[in-house]
Amino acid sequence: THLHQLHVVLFHRGQVPTRPRKKMPDRKPPLALPPRMQAVAQ
C-alpha cells in the first residue's frame, strides 16, 4: 500500500508513465495440470 501511494503521486506529477494498479498478493492457487494439458490451457 505504501509503494502504491508513492506510485500514484509520481504518476500524477508525470514522473512515471504507467497508471498505478495496486497488486496485492495473489492468493488463488496456480493452474496445475499435467505438462501437456497445461501447455494447451495456458
PDB file of all heavy atoms in Angstrom:
ATOM      1  N   THR A   1       0.829  -1.208   0.000  1.00  0.00           N
ATOM      2  CA  THR A   1       0.000   0.000   0.000  1.00  0.00           C
ATOM      3  C   THR A   1       0.862   1.257   0.000  1.00  0.00           C
ATOM      4  O   THR A   1       0.580   2.228  -0.720  1.00  0.00           O
ATOM      5  CB  THR A   1      -0.929   0.003   1.226  1.00  0.00           C
ATOM      6  OG1 THR A   1      -1.776  -1.157   1.183  1.00  0.00           O
ATOM      7  CG2 THR A   1      -1.791   1.251   1.249  1.00  0.00           C
ATOM      8  N   HIS A   2       1.935   1.268   0.798  1.00  0.00           N
ATOM      9  CA  HIS A   2       2.850   2.425   0.803  1.00  0.00           C
ATOM     10  C   HIS A   2       3.444   2.657  -0.585  1.00  0.00           C
ATOM     11  O   HIS A   2       3.464   3.796  -1.084  1.00  0.00           O
ATOM     12  CB  HIS A   2       3.985   2.174   1.801  1.00  0.00           C
ATOM     13  CG  HIS A   2       3.557   2.249   3.239  1.00  0.00           C
ATOM     14  ND1 HIS A   2       2.364   2.783   3.630  1.00  0.00           N
ATOM     15  CD2 HIS A   2       4.197   1.836   4.389  1.00  0.00           C
ATOM     16  CE1 HIS A   2       2.253   2.711   4.948  1.00  0.00           C
ATOM     17  NE2 HIS A   2       3.347   2.139   5.427  1.00  0.00           N
ATOM     18  N   LEU A   3       3.935   1.616  -1.203  1.00  0.00           N
ATOM     19  CA  LEU A   3       4.547   1.753  -2.532  1.00  0.00           C
ATOM     20  C   LEU A   3       3.522   2.167  -3.580  1.00  0.00           C
ATOM     21  O   LEU A   3       3.841   2.910  -4.513  1.00  0.00           O
ATOM     22  CB  LEU A   3       5.221   0.440  -2.927  1.00  0.00           C
ATOM     23  CG  LEU A   3       6.507   0.117  -2.153  1.00  0.00           C
ATOM     24  CD1 LEU A   3       6.893  -1.345  -2.302  1.00  0.00           C
ATOM     25  CD2 LEU A   3       7.654   1.015  -2.638  1.00  0.00           C
ATOM     26  N   HIS A   4       2.300   1.690  -3.420  1.00  0.00           N
ATOM     27  CA  HIS A   4       1.250   2.086  -4.355  1.00  0.00           C
ATOM     28  C   HIS A   4       0.951   3.574  -4.230  1.00  0.00           C
ATOM     29  O   HIS A   4       0.775   4.267  -5.249  1.00  0.00           O
ATOM     30  CB  HIS A   4      -0.012   1.265  -4.079  1.00  0.00           C
ATOM     31  CG  HIS A   4      -1.189   1.691  -4.912  1.00  0.00           C
ATOM     32  ND1 HIS A   4      -1.284   1.424  -6.255  1.00  0.00           N
ATOM     33  CD2 HIS A   4      -2.311   2.390  -4.576  1.00  0.00           C
ATOM     34  CE1 HIS A   4      -2.419   1.925  -6.724  1.00  0.00           C
ATOM     35  NE2 HIS A   4      -3.048   2.514  -5.725  1.00  0.00           N
ATOM     36  N   GLN A   5       0.890   4.094  -3.011  1.00  0.00           N
ATOM     37  CA  GLN A   5       0.642   5.519  -2.829  1.00  0.00           C
ATOM     38  C   GLN A   5       1.753   6.350  -3.459  1.00  0.00           C
ATOM     39  O   GLN A   5       1.486   7.378  -4.099  1.00  0.00           O
ATOM     40  CB  GLN A   5       0.516   5.841  -1.341  1.00  0.00           C
ATOM     41  CG  GLN A   5      -0.767   5.327  -0.710  1.00  0.00           C
ATOM     42  CD  GLN A   5      -0.939   5.803   0.723  1.00  0.00           C
ATOM     43  OE1 GLN A   5      -0.303   6.754   1.152  1.00  0.00           O
ATOM     44  NE2 GLN A   5      -1.803   5.139   1.479  1.00  0.00           N
ATOM     45  N   LEU A   6       2.988   5.920  -3.288  1.00  0.00           N
ATOM     46  CA  LEU A   6       4.100   6.624  -3.933  1.00  0.00           C
ATOM     47  C   LEU A   6       3.941   6.591  -5.451  1.00  0.00           C
ATOM     48  O   LEU A   6       4.139   7.611  -6.138  1.00  0.00           O
ATOM     49  CB  LEU A   6       5.429   5.988  -3.522  1.00  0.00           C
ATOM     50  CG  LEU A   6       6.672   6.541  -4.232  1.00  0.00           C
ATOM     51  CD1 LEU A   6       6.904   8.002  -3.869  1.00  0.00           C
ATOM     52  CD2 LEU A   6       7.900   5.697  -3.909  1.00  0.00           C
ATOM     53  N   HIS A   7       3.564   5.439  -5.984  1.00  0.00           N
ATOM     54  CA  HIS A   7       3.372   5.292  -7.436  1.00  0.00           C
ATOM     55  C   HIS A   7       2.272   6.239  -7.921  1.00  0.00           C
ATOM     56  O   HIS A   7       2.402   6.885  -8.969  1.00  0.00           O
ATOM     57  CB  HIS A   7       3.017   3.837  -7.753  1.00  0.00           C
ATOM     58  CG  HIS A   7       3.147   3.493  -9.212  1.00  0.00           C
ATOM     59  ND1 HIS A   7       3.081   2.214  -9.687  1.00  0.00           N
ATOM     60  CD2 HIS A   7       3.328   4.279 -10.303  1.00  0.00           C
ATOM     61  CE1 HIS A   7       3.222   2.219 -10.990  1.00  0.00           C
ATOM     62  NE2 HIS A   7       3.368   3.463 -11.393  1.00  0.00           N
ATOM     63  N   VAL A   8       1.182   6.338  -7.176  1.00  0.00           N
ATOM     64  CA  VAL A   8       0.072   7.222  -7.557  1.00  0.00           C
ATOM     65  C   VAL A   8       0.541   8.671  -7.632  1.00  0.00           C
ATOM     66  O   VAL A   8       0.263   9.394  -8.608  1.00  0.00           O
ATOM     67  CB  VAL A   8      -1.094   7.074  -6.560  1.00  0.00           C
ATOM     68  CG1 VAL A   8      -2.127   8.181  -6.776  1.00  0.00           C
ATOM     69  CG2 VAL A   8      -1.757   5.708  -6.701  1.00  0.00           C
ATOM     70  N   VAL A   9       1.258   9.133  -6.617  1.00  0.00           N
ATOM     71  CA  VAL A   9       1.710  10.525  -6.587  1.00  0.00           C
ATOM     72  C   VAL A   9       2.681  10.799  -7.731  1.00  0.00           C
ATOM     73  O   VAL A   9       2.578  11.819  -8.431  1.00  0.00           O
ATOM     74  CB  VAL A   9       2.352  10.845  -5.224  1.00  0.00           C
ATOM     75  CG1 VAL A   9       2.967  12.242  -5.242  1.00  0.00           C
ATOM     76  CG2 VAL A   9       1.328  10.740  -4.109  1.00  0.00           C
ATOM     77  N   LEU A  10       3.625   9.884  -7.952  1.00  0.00           N
ATOM     78  CA  LEU A  10       4.597  10.087  -9.027  1.00  0.00           C
ATOM     79  C   LEU A  10       3.932  10.044 -10.392  1.00  0.00           C
ATOM     80  O   LEU A  10       4.345  10.746 -11.325  1.00  0.00           O
ATOM     81  CB  LEU A  10       5.704   9.030  -8.941  1.00  0.00           C
ATOM     82  CG  LEU A  10       6.582   9.080  -7.685  1.00  0.00           C
ATOM     83  CD1 LEU A  10       7.703   8.049  -7.785  1.00  0.00           C
ATOM     84  CD2 LEU A  10       7.159  10.471  -7.468  1.00  0.00           C
ATOM     85  N   PHE A  11       2.879   9.228 -10.537  1.00  0.00           N
ATOM     86  CA  PHE A  11       2.168   9.160 -11.816  1.00  0.00           C
ATOM     87  C   PHE A  11       1.468  10.484 -12.107  1.00  0.00           C
ATOM     88  O   PHE A  11       1.534  11.014 -13.221  1.00  0.00           O
ATOM     89  CB  PHE A  11       1.151   8.022 -11.789  1.00  0.00           C
ATOM     90  CG  PHE A  11       0.210   8.014 -12.965  1.00  0.00           C
ATOM     91  CD1 PHE A  11       0.621   7.533 -14.194  1.00  0.00           C
ATOM     92  CD2 PHE A  11      -1.085   8.513 -12.843  1.00  0.00           C
ATOM     93  CE1 PHE A  11      -0.238   7.538 -15.282  1.00  0.00           C
ATOM     94  CE2 PHE A  11      -1.951   8.518 -13.920  1.00  0.00           C
ATOM     95  CZ  PHE A  11      -1.523   8.026 -15.150  1.00  0.00           C
ATOM     96  N   HIS A  12       0.802  11.043 -11.116  1.00  0.00           N
ATOM     97  CA  HIS A  12       0.043  12.263 -11.355  1.00  0.00           C
ATOM     98  C   HIS A  12       0.928  13.500 -11.448  1.00  0.00           C
ATOM     99  O   HIS A  12       0.470  14.521 -11.966  1.00  0.00           O
ATOM    100  CB  HIS A  12      -1.021  12.432 -10.266  1.00  0.00           C
ATOM    101  CG  HIS A  12      -2.192  11.510 -10.433  1.00  0.00           C
ATOM    102  ND1 HIS A  12      -3.146  11.681 -11.393  1.00  0.00           N
ATOM    103  CD2 HIS A  12      -2.539  10.366  -9.775  1.00  0.00           C
ATOM    104  CE1 HIS A  12      -4.049  10.717 -11.327  1.00  0.00           C
ATOM    105  NE2 HIS A  12      -3.698   9.902 -10.346  1.00  0.00           N
ATOM    106  N   ARG A  13       2.150  13.424 -10.994  1.00  0.00           N
ATOM    107  CA  ARG A  13       3.084  14.529 -11.243  1.00  0.00           C
ATOM    108  C   ARG A  13       3.816  14.342 -12.567  1.00  0.00           C
ATOM    109  O   ARG A  13       4.614  15.191 -12.959  1.00  0.00           O
ATOM    110  CB  ARG A  13       4.081  14.688 -10.103  1.00  0.00           C
ATOM    111  CG  ARG A  13       5.019  13.532  -9.946  1.00  0.00           C
ATOM    112  CD  ARG A  13       6.319  13.898  -9.217  1.00  0.00           C
ATOM    113  NE  ARG A  13       6.165  14.590  -7.964  1.00  0.00           N
ATOM    114  CZ  ARG A  13       7.201  14.824  -7.137  1.00  0.00           C
ATOM    115  NH1 ARG A  13       8.425  14.382  -7.479  1.00  0.00           N
ATOM    116  NH2 ARG A  13       7.030  15.451  -6.010  1.00  0.00           N
ATOM    117  N   GLY A  14       3.539  13.195 -13.261  1.00  0.00           N
ATOM    118  CA  GLY A  14       4.135  12.935 -14.564  1.00  0.00           C
ATOM    119  C   GLY A  14       5.515  12.327 -14.512  1.00  0.00           C
ATOM    120  O   GLY A  14       6.223  12.290 -15.524  1.00  0.00           O
ATOM    121  N   GLN A  15       5.913  11.813 -13.363  1.00  0.00           N
ATOM    122  CA  GLN A  15       7.271  11.291 -13.195  1.00  0.00           C
ATOM    123  C   GLN A  15       7.392   9.842 -13.659  1.00  0.00           C
ATOM    124  O   GLN A  15       8.478   9.407 -14.059  1.00  0.00           O
ATOM    125  CB  GLN A  15       7.681  11.415 -11.724  1.00  0.00           C
ATOM    126  CG  GLN A  15       9.146  11.143 -11.449  1.00  0.00           C
ATOM    127  CD  GLN A  15       9.537  11.576 -10.051  1.00  0.00           C
ATOM    128  OE1 GLN A  15       9.056  12.585  -9.541  1.00  0.00           O
ATOM    129  NE2 GLN A  15      10.421  10.822  -9.410  1.00  0.00           N
ATOM    130  N   VAL A  16       6.298   9.093 -13.580  1.00  0.00           N
ATOM    131  CA  VAL A  16       6.298   7.712 -14.084  1.00  0.00           C
ATOM    132  C   VAL A  16       5.182   7.594 -15.109  1.00  0.00           C
ATOM    133  O   VAL A  16       4.136   8.247 -14.994  1.00  0.00           O
ATOM    134  CB  VAL A  16       6.103   6.685 -12.945  1.00  0.00           C
ATOM    135  CG1 VAL A  16       7.244   6.748 -11.958  1.00  0.00           C
ATOM    136  CG2 VAL A  16       4.778   6.887 -12.236  1.00  0.00           C
ATOM    137  N   PRO A  17       5.363   6.770 -16.151  1.00  0.00           N
ATOM    138  CA  PRO A  17       4.399   6.761 -17.260  1.00  0.00           C
ATOM    139  C   PRO A  17       3.192   5.847 -17.057  1.00  0.00           C
ATOM    140  O   PRO A  17       2.141   6.083 -17.642  1.00  0.00           O
ATOM    141  CB  PRO A  17       5.244   6.262 -18.437  1.00  0.00           C
ATOM    142  CG  PRO A  17       6.274   5.375 -17.803  1.00  0.00           C
ATOM    143  CD  PRO A  17       6.570   5.976 -16.456  1.00  0.00           C
ATOM    144  N   THR A  18       3.332   4.811 -16.260  1.00  0.00           N
ATOM    145  CA  THR A  18       2.301   3.782 -16.184  1.00  0.00           C
ATOM    146  C   THR A  18       1.300   4.082 -15.087  1.00  0.00           C
ATOM    147  O   THR A  18       1.688   4.431 -13.968  1.00  0.00           O
ATOM    148  CB  THR A  18       2.933   2.396 -15.930  1.00  0.00           C
ATOM    149  OG1 THR A  18       3.917   2.156 -16.928  1.00  0.00           O
ATOM    150  CG2 THR A  18       1.879   1.293 -15.995  1.00  0.00           C
ATOM    151  N   ARG A  19       0.024   3.920 -15.425  1.00  0.00           N
ATOM    152  CA  ARG A  19      -1.042   4.110 -14.445  1.00  0.00           C
ATOM    153  C   ARG A  19      -0.907   3.078 -13.327  1.00  0.00           C
ATOM    154  O   ARG A  19      -0.805   1.880 -13.587  1.00  0.00           O
ATOM    155  CB  ARG A  19      -2.394   3.954 -15.138  1.00  0.00           C
ATOM    156  CG  ARG A  19      -3.598   4.034 -14.225  1.00  0.00           C
ATOM    157  CD  ARG A  19      -4.850   3.869 -15.058  1.00  0.00           C
ATOM    158  NE  ARG A  19      -6.038   3.703 -14.249  1.00  0.00           N
ATOM    159  CZ  ARG A  19      -7.252   3.508 -14.754  1.00  0.00           C
ATOM    160  NH1 ARG A  19      -7.403   3.456 -16.080  1.00  0.00           N
ATOM    161  NH2 ARG A  19      -8.288   3.366 -13.962  1.00  0.00           N
ATOM    162  N   PRO A  20      -0.889   3.518 -12.068  1.00  0.00           N
ATOM    163  CA  PRO A  20      -0.659   2.570 -10.970  1.00  0.00           C
ATOM    164  C   PRO A  20      -1.845   1.648 -10.741  1.00  0.00           C
ATOM    165  O   PRO A  20      -3.002   2.072 -10.783  1.00  0.00           O
ATOM    166  CB  PRO A  20      -0.449   3.485  -9.753  1.00  0.00           C
ATOM    167  CG  PRO A  20      -1.149   4.748 -10.106  1.00  0.00           C
ATOM    168  CD  PRO A  20      -1.038   4.904 -11.590  1.00  0.00           C
ATOM    169  N   ARG A  21      -1.551   0.403 -10.512  1.00  0.00           N
ATOM    170  CA  ARG A  21      -2.568  -0.591 -10.155  1.00  0.00           C
ATOM    171  C   ARG A  21      -2.057  -1.352  -8.943  1.00  0.00           C
ATOM    172  O   ARG A  21      -0.971  -1.924  -8.974  1.00  0.00           O
ATOM    173  CB  ARG A  21      -2.837  -1.551 -11.308  1.00  0.00           C
ATOM    174  CG  ARG A  21      -3.383  -0.853 -12.548  1.00  0.00           C
ATOM    175  CD  ARG A  21      -3.718  -1.853 -13.637  1.00  0.00           C
ATOM    176  NE  ARG A  21      -4.174  -1.200 -14.835  1.00  0.00           N
ATOM    177  CZ  ARG A  21      -5.433  -0.811 -15.054  1.00  0.00           C
ATOM    178  NH1 ARG A  21      -6.336  -1.005 -14.107  1.00  0.00           N
ATOM    179  NH2 ARG A  21      -5.781  -0.222 -16.178  1.00  0.00           N
ATOM    180  N   LYS A  22      -2.836  -1.342  -7.926  1.00  0.00           N
ATOM    181  CA  LYS A  22      -2.420  -1.968  -6.678  1.00  0.00           C
ATOM    182  C   LYS A  22      -2.401  -3.476  -6.845  1.00  0.00           C
ATOM    183  O   LYS A  22      -3.426  -4.098  -7.131  1.00  0.00           O
ATOM    184  CB  LYS A  22      -3.370  -1.571  -5.548  1.00  0.00           C
ATOM    185  CG  LYS A  22      -2.858  -1.912  -4.164  1.00  0.00           C
ATOM    186  CD  LYS A  22      -3.777  -1.328  -3.111  1.00  0.00           C
ATOM    187  CE  LYS A  22      -3.281  -1.612  -1.713  1.00  0.00           C
ATOM    188  NZ  LYS A  22      -4.161  -1.012  -0.689  1.00  0.00           N
ATOM    189  N   LYS A  23      -1.247  -4.082  -6.665  1.00  0.00           N
ATOM    190  CA  LYS A  23      -1.095  -5.526  -6.837  1.00  0.00           C
ATOM    191  C   LYS A  23      -0.866  -6.170  -5.474  1.00  0.00           C
ATOM    192  O   LYS A  23       0.240  -6.212  -4.965  1.00  0.00           O
ATOM    193  CB  LYS A  23       0.078  -5.838  -7.766  1.00  0.00           C
ATOM    194  CG  LYS A  23      -0.103  -5.303  -9.183  1.00  0.00           C
ATOM    195  CD  LYS A  23       1.094  -5.633 -10.053  1.00  0.00           C
ATOM    196  CE  LYS A  23       0.912  -5.089 -11.468  1.00  0.00           C
ATOM    197  NZ  LYS A  23       2.098  -5.395 -12.327  1.00  0.00           N
ATOM    198  N   MET A  24      -1.949  -6.607  -4.910  1.00  0.00           N
ATOM    199  CA  MET A  24      -1.846  -7.309  -3.639  1.00  0.00           C
ATOM    200  C   MET A  24      -1.436  -8.752  -3.893  1.00  0.00           C
ATOM    201  O   MET A  24      -1.523  -9.252  -5.020  1.00  0.00           O
ATOM    202  CB  MET A  24      -3.188  -7.264  -2.896  1.00  0.00           C
ATOM    203  CG  MET A  24      -3.636  -5.859  -2.555  1.00  0.00           C
ATOM    204  SD  MET A  24      -2.414  -4.908  -1.637  1.00  0.00           S
ATOM    205  CE  MET A  24      -2.350  -5.830  -0.107  1.00  0.00           C
ATOM    206  N   PRO A  25      -0.984  -9.461  -2.874  1.00  0.00           N
ATOM    207  CA  PRO A  25      -0.578 -10.858  -3.070  1.00  0.00           C
ATOM    208  C   PRO A  25      -1.695 -11.687  -3.684  1.00  0.00           C
ATOM    209  O   PRO A  25      -2.854 -11.614  -3.277  1.00  0.00           O
ATOM    210  CB  PRO A  25      -0.271 -11.320  -1.633  1.00  0.00           C
ATOM    211  CG  PRO A  25       0.047 -10.073  -0.892  1.00  0.00           C
ATOM    212  CD  PRO A  25      -0.792  -8.997  -1.479  1.00  0.00           C
ATOM    213  N   ASP A  26      -1.346 -12.453  -4.726  1.00  0.00           N
ATOM    214  CA  ASP A  26      -2.306 -13.308  -5.420  1.00  0.00           C
ATOM    215  C   ASP A  26      -2.477 -14.602  -4.636  1.00  0.00           C
ATOM    216  O   ASP A  26      -1.553 -15.403  -4.547  1.00  0.00           O
ATOM    217  CB  ASP A  26      -1.801 -13.607  -6.830  1.00  0.00           C
ATOM    218  CG  ASP A  26      -2.874 -14.268  -7.680  1.00  0.00           C
ATOM    219  OD1 ASP A  26      -3.965 -14.536  -7.136  1.00  0.00           O
ATOM    220  OD2 ASP A  26      -2.620 -14.519  -8.870  1.00  0.00           O
ATOM    221  N   ARG A  27      -3.661 -14.789  -4.062  1.00  0.00           N
ATOM    222  CA  ARG A  27      -3.875 -15.940  -3.198  1.00  0.00           C
ATOM    223  C   ARG A  27      -4.553 -17.103  -3.913  1.00  0.00           C
ATOM    224  O   ARG A  27      -4.814 -18.122  -3.298  1.00  0.00           O
ATOM    225  CB  ARG A  27      -4.717 -15.519  -1.989  1.00  0.00           C
ATOM    226  CG  ARG A  27      -4.047 -14.436  -1.152  1.00  0.00           C
ATOM    227  CD  ARG A  27      -4.849 -14.085   0.075  1.00  0.00           C
ATOM    228  NE  ARG A  27      -4.202 -13.022   0.841  1.00  0.00           N
ATOM    229  CZ  ARG A  27      -4.663 -12.539   1.979  1.00  0.00           C
ATOM    230  NH1 ARG A  27      -5.793 -12.990   2.476  1.00  0.00           N
ATOM    231  NH2 ARG A  27      -4.018 -11.580   2.623  1.00  0.00           N
ATOM    232  N   LYS A  28      -4.914 -16.940  -5.176  1.00  0.00           N
ATOM    233  CA  LYS A  28      -5.558 -18.047  -5.861  1.00  0.00           C
ATOM    234  C   LYS A  28      -4.522 -19.131  -6.162  1.00  0.00           C
ATOM    235  O   LYS A  28      -3.358 -18.831  -6.470  1.00  0.00           O
ATOM    236  CB  LYS A  28      -6.219 -17.574  -7.142  1.00  0.00           C
ATOM    237  CG  LYS A  28      -5.257 -17.117  -8.229  1.00  0.00           C
ATOM    238  CD  LYS A  28      -6.006 -16.664  -9.467  1.00  0.00           C
ATOM    239  CE  LYS A  28      -5.027 -16.221 -10.563  1.00  0.00           C
ATOM    240  NZ  LYS A  28      -5.728 -15.747 -11.762  1.00  0.00           N
ATOM    241  N   PRO A  29      -4.917 -20.395  -6.084  1.00  0.00           N
ATOM    242  CA  PRO A  29      -3.956 -21.472  -6.361  1.00  0.00           C
ATOM    243  C   PRO A  29      -3.551 -21.457  -7.826  1.00  0.00           C
ATOM    244  O   PRO A  29      -4.323 -21.035  -8.693  1.00  0.00           O
ATOM    245  CB  PRO A  29      -4.755 -22.741  -6.010  1.00  0.00           C
ATOM    246  CG  PRO A  29      -6.187 -22.338  -6.105  1.00  0.00           C
ATOM    247  CD  PRO A  29      -6.245 -20.895  -5.711  1.00  0.00           C
ATOM    248  N   PRO A  30      -2.356 -21.884  -8.121  1.00  0.00           N
ATOM    249  CA  PRO A  30      -1.905 -21.868  -9.516  1.00  0.00           C
ATOM    250  C   PRO A  30      -2.636 -22.911 -10.343  1.00  0.00           C
ATOM    251  O   PRO A  30      -3.184 -23.887  -9.826  1.00  0.00           O
ATOM    252  CB  PRO A  30      -0.410 -22.200  -9.396  1.00  0.00           C
ATOM    253  CG  PRO A  30      -0.304 -22.990  -8.132  1.00  0.00           C
ATOM    254  CD  PRO A  30      -1.338 -22.429  -7.201  1.00  0.00           C
ATOM    255  N   LEU A  31      -2.650 -22.683 -11.651  1.00  0.00           N
ATOM    256  CA  LEU A  31      -3.218 -23.659 -12.579  1.00  0.00           C
ATOM    257  C   LEU A  31      -2.238 -24.820 -12.694  1.00  0.00           C
ATOM    258  O   LEU A  31      -1.144 -24.669 -13.235  1.00  0.00           O
ATOM    259  CB  LEU A  31      -3.449 -23.006 -13.941  1.00  0.00           C
ATOM    260  CG  LEU A  31      -4.120 -23.858 -15.023  1.00  0.00           C
ATOM    261  CD1 LEU A  31      -5.536 -24.234 -14.587  1.00  0.00           C
ATOM    262  CD2 LEU A  31      -4.159 -23.111 -16.349  1.00  0.00           C
ATOM    263  N   ALA A  32      -2.612 -25.976 -12.139  1.00  0.00           N
ATOM    264  CA  ALA A  32      -1.704 -27.124 -12.075  1.00  0.00           C
ATOM    265  C   ALA A  32      -2.316 -28.290 -12.844  1.00  0.00           C
ATOM    266  O   ALA A  32      -3.251 -28.940 -12.372  1.00  0.00           O
ATOM    267  CB  ALA A  32      -1.438 -27.522 -10.629  1.00  0.00           C
ATOM    268  N   LEU A  33      -1.817 -28.542 -14.051  1.00  0.00           N
ATOM    269  CA  LEU A  33      -2.265 -29.647 -14.894  1.00  0.00           C
ATOM    270  C   LEU A  33      -1.040 -30.441 -15.335  1.00  0.00           C
ATOM    271  O   LEU A  33       0.099 -29.970 -15.221  1.00  0.00           O
ATOM    272  CB  LEU A  33      -2.996 -29.101 -16.127  1.00  0.00           C
ATOM    273  CG  LEU A  33      -4.321 -28.362 -15.899  1.00  0.00           C
ATOM    274  CD1 LEU A  33      -4.743 -27.644 -17.173  1.00  0.00           C
ATOM    275  CD2 LEU A  33      -5.399 -29.326 -15.464  1.00  0.00           C
ATOM    276  N   PRO A  34      -1.234 -31.655 -15.829  1.00  0.00           N
ATOM    277  CA  PRO A  34      -0.106 -32.357 -16.457  1.00  0.00           C
ATOM    278  C   PRO A  34       0.517 -31.486 -17.539  1.00  0.00           C
ATOM    279  O   PRO A  34      -0.194 -30.693 -18.187  1.00  0.00           O
ATOM    280  CB  PRO A  34      -0.763 -33.616 -17.035  1.00  0.00           C
ATOM    281  CG  PRO A  34      -1.943 -33.860 -16.155  1.00  0.00           C
ATOM    282  CD  PRO A  34      -2.447 -32.495 -15.777  1.00  0.00           C
ATOM    283  N   PRO A  35       1.826 -31.585 -17.748  1.00  0.00           N
ATOM    284  CA  PRO A  35       2.532 -30.639 -18.627  1.00  0.00           C
ATOM    285  C   PRO A  35       1.880 -30.429 -19.994  1.00  0.00           C
ATOM    286  O   PRO A  35       1.746 -29.280 -20.446  1.00  0.00           O
ATOM    287  CB  PRO A  35       3.931 -31.262 -18.754  1.00  0.00           C
ATOM    288  CG  PRO A  35       4.097 -32.036 -17.492  1.00  0.00           C
ATOM    289  CD  PRO A  35       2.755 -32.558 -17.128  1.00  0.00           C
ATOM    290  N   ARG A  36       1.456 -31.499 -20.655  1.00  0.00           N
ATOM    291  CA  ARG A  36       0.866 -31.343 -21.993  1.00  0.00           C
ATOM    292  C   ARG A  36      -0.472 -30.606 -21.930  1.00  0.00           C
ATOM    293  O   ARG A  36      -0.767 -29.744 -22.765  1.00  0.00           O
ATOM    294  CB  ARG A  36       0.701 -32.713 -22.660  1.00  0.00           C
ATOM    295  CG  ARG A  36       2.034 -33.365 -23.020  1.00  0.00           C
ATOM    296  CD  ARG A  36       1.864 -34.838 -23.363  1.00  0.00           C
ATOM    297  NE  ARG A  36       0.958 -35.051 -24.487  1.00  0.00           N
ATOM    298  CZ  ARG A  36       0.599 -36.261 -24.919  1.00  0.00           C
ATOM    299  NH1 ARG A  36       1.076 -37.349 -24.315  1.00  0.00           N
ATOM    300  NH2 ARG A  36      -0.226 -36.379 -25.944  1.00  0.00           N
ATOM    301  N   MET A  37      -1.269 -30.914 -20.929  1.00  0.00           N
ATOM    302  CA  MET A  37      -2.551 -30.229 -20.770  1.00  0.00           C
ATOM    303  C   MET A  37      -2.335 -28.778 -20.333  1.00  0.00           C
ATOM    304  O   MET A  37      -3.062 -27.872 -20.758  1.00  0.00           O
ATOM    305  CB  MET A  37      -3.412 -30.972 -19.751  1.00  0.00           C
ATOM    306  CG  MET A  37      -3.744 -32.404 -20.143  1.00  0.00           C
ATOM    307  SD  MET A  37      -4.721 -33.279 -18.896  1.00  0.00           S
ATOM    308  CE  MET A  37      -6.302 -32.465 -19.075  1.00  0.00           C
ATOM    309  N   GLN A  38      -1.327 -28.561 -19.502  1.00  0.00           N
ATOM    310  CA  GLN A  38      -1.014 -27.207 -19.036  1.00  0.00           C
ATOM    311  C   GLN A  38      -0.625 -26.311 -20.208  1.00  0.00           C
ATOM    312  O   GLN A  38      -1.047 -25.155 -20.283  1.00  0.00           O
ATOM    313  CB  GLN A  38       0.127 -27.271 -18.023  1.00  0.00           C
ATOM    314  CG  GLN A  38       0.550 -25.925 -17.467  1.00  0.00           C
ATOM    315  CD  GLN A  38      -0.174 -25.580 -16.180  1.00  0.00           C
ATOM    316  OE1 GLN A  38      -1.090 -26.284 -15.798  1.00  0.00           O
ATOM    317  NE2 GLN A  38       0.223 -24.498 -15.537  1.00  0.00           N
ATOM    318  N   ALA A  39       0.168 -26.834 -21.130  1.00  0.00           N
ATOM    319  CA  ALA A  39       0.612 -26.034 -22.271  1.00  0.00           C
ATOM    320  C   ALA A  39      -0.571 -25.597 -23.132  1.00  0.00           C
ATOM    321  O   ALA A  39      -0.654 -24.440 -23.566  1.00  0.00           O
ATOM    322  CB  ALA A  39       1.604 -26.840 -23.112  1.00  0.00           C
ATOM    323  N   VAL A  40      -1.513 -26.501 -23.370  1.00  0.00           N
ATOM    324  CA  VAL A  40      -2.695 -26.164 -24.170  1.00  0.00           C
ATOM    325  C   VAL A  40      -3.543 -25.122 -23.447  1.00  0.00           C
ATOM    326  O   VAL A  40      -3.988 -24.131 -24.045  1.00  0.00           O
ATOM    327  CB  VAL A  40      -3.522 -27.430 -24.468  1.00  0.00           C
ATOM    328  CG1 VAL A  40      -4.851 -27.056 -25.113  1.00  0.00           C
ATOM    329  CG2 VAL A  40      -2.739 -28.374 -25.363  1.00  0.00           C
ATOM    330  N   ALA A  41      -3.768 -25.347 -22.151  1.00  0.00           N
ATOM    331  CA  ALA A  41      -4.615 -24.433 -21.391  1.00  0.00           C
ATOM    332  C   ALA A  41      -4.005 -23.034 -21.320  1.00  0.00           C
ATOM    333  O   ALA A  41      -4.714 -22.029 -21.498  1.00  0.00           O
ATOM    334  CB  ALA A  41      -4.849 -24.984 -19.985  1.00  0.00           C
ATOM    335  N   GLN A  42      -2.707 -22.936 -21.089  1.00  0.00           N
ATOM    336  CA  GLN A  42      -2.061 -21.631 -20.997  1.00  0.00           C
ATOM    337  C   GLN A  42      -2.094 -20.902 -22.343  1.00  0.00           C
ATOM    338  O   GLN A  42      -2.310 -19.681 -22.403  1.00  0.00           O
ATOM    339  CB  GLN A  42      -0.606 -21.797 -20.535  1.00  0.00           C
ATOM    340  CG  GLN A  42      -0.450 -22.310 -19.113  1.00  0.00           C
ATOM    341  CD  GLN A  42      -0.801 -21.260 -18.070  1.00  0.00           C
ATOM    342  OE1 GLN A  42      -1.437 -20.274 -18.369  1.00  0.00           O
ATOM    343  NE2 GLN A  42      -0.395 -21.495 -16.834  1.00  0.00           N
TER     344      GLN A  42
END
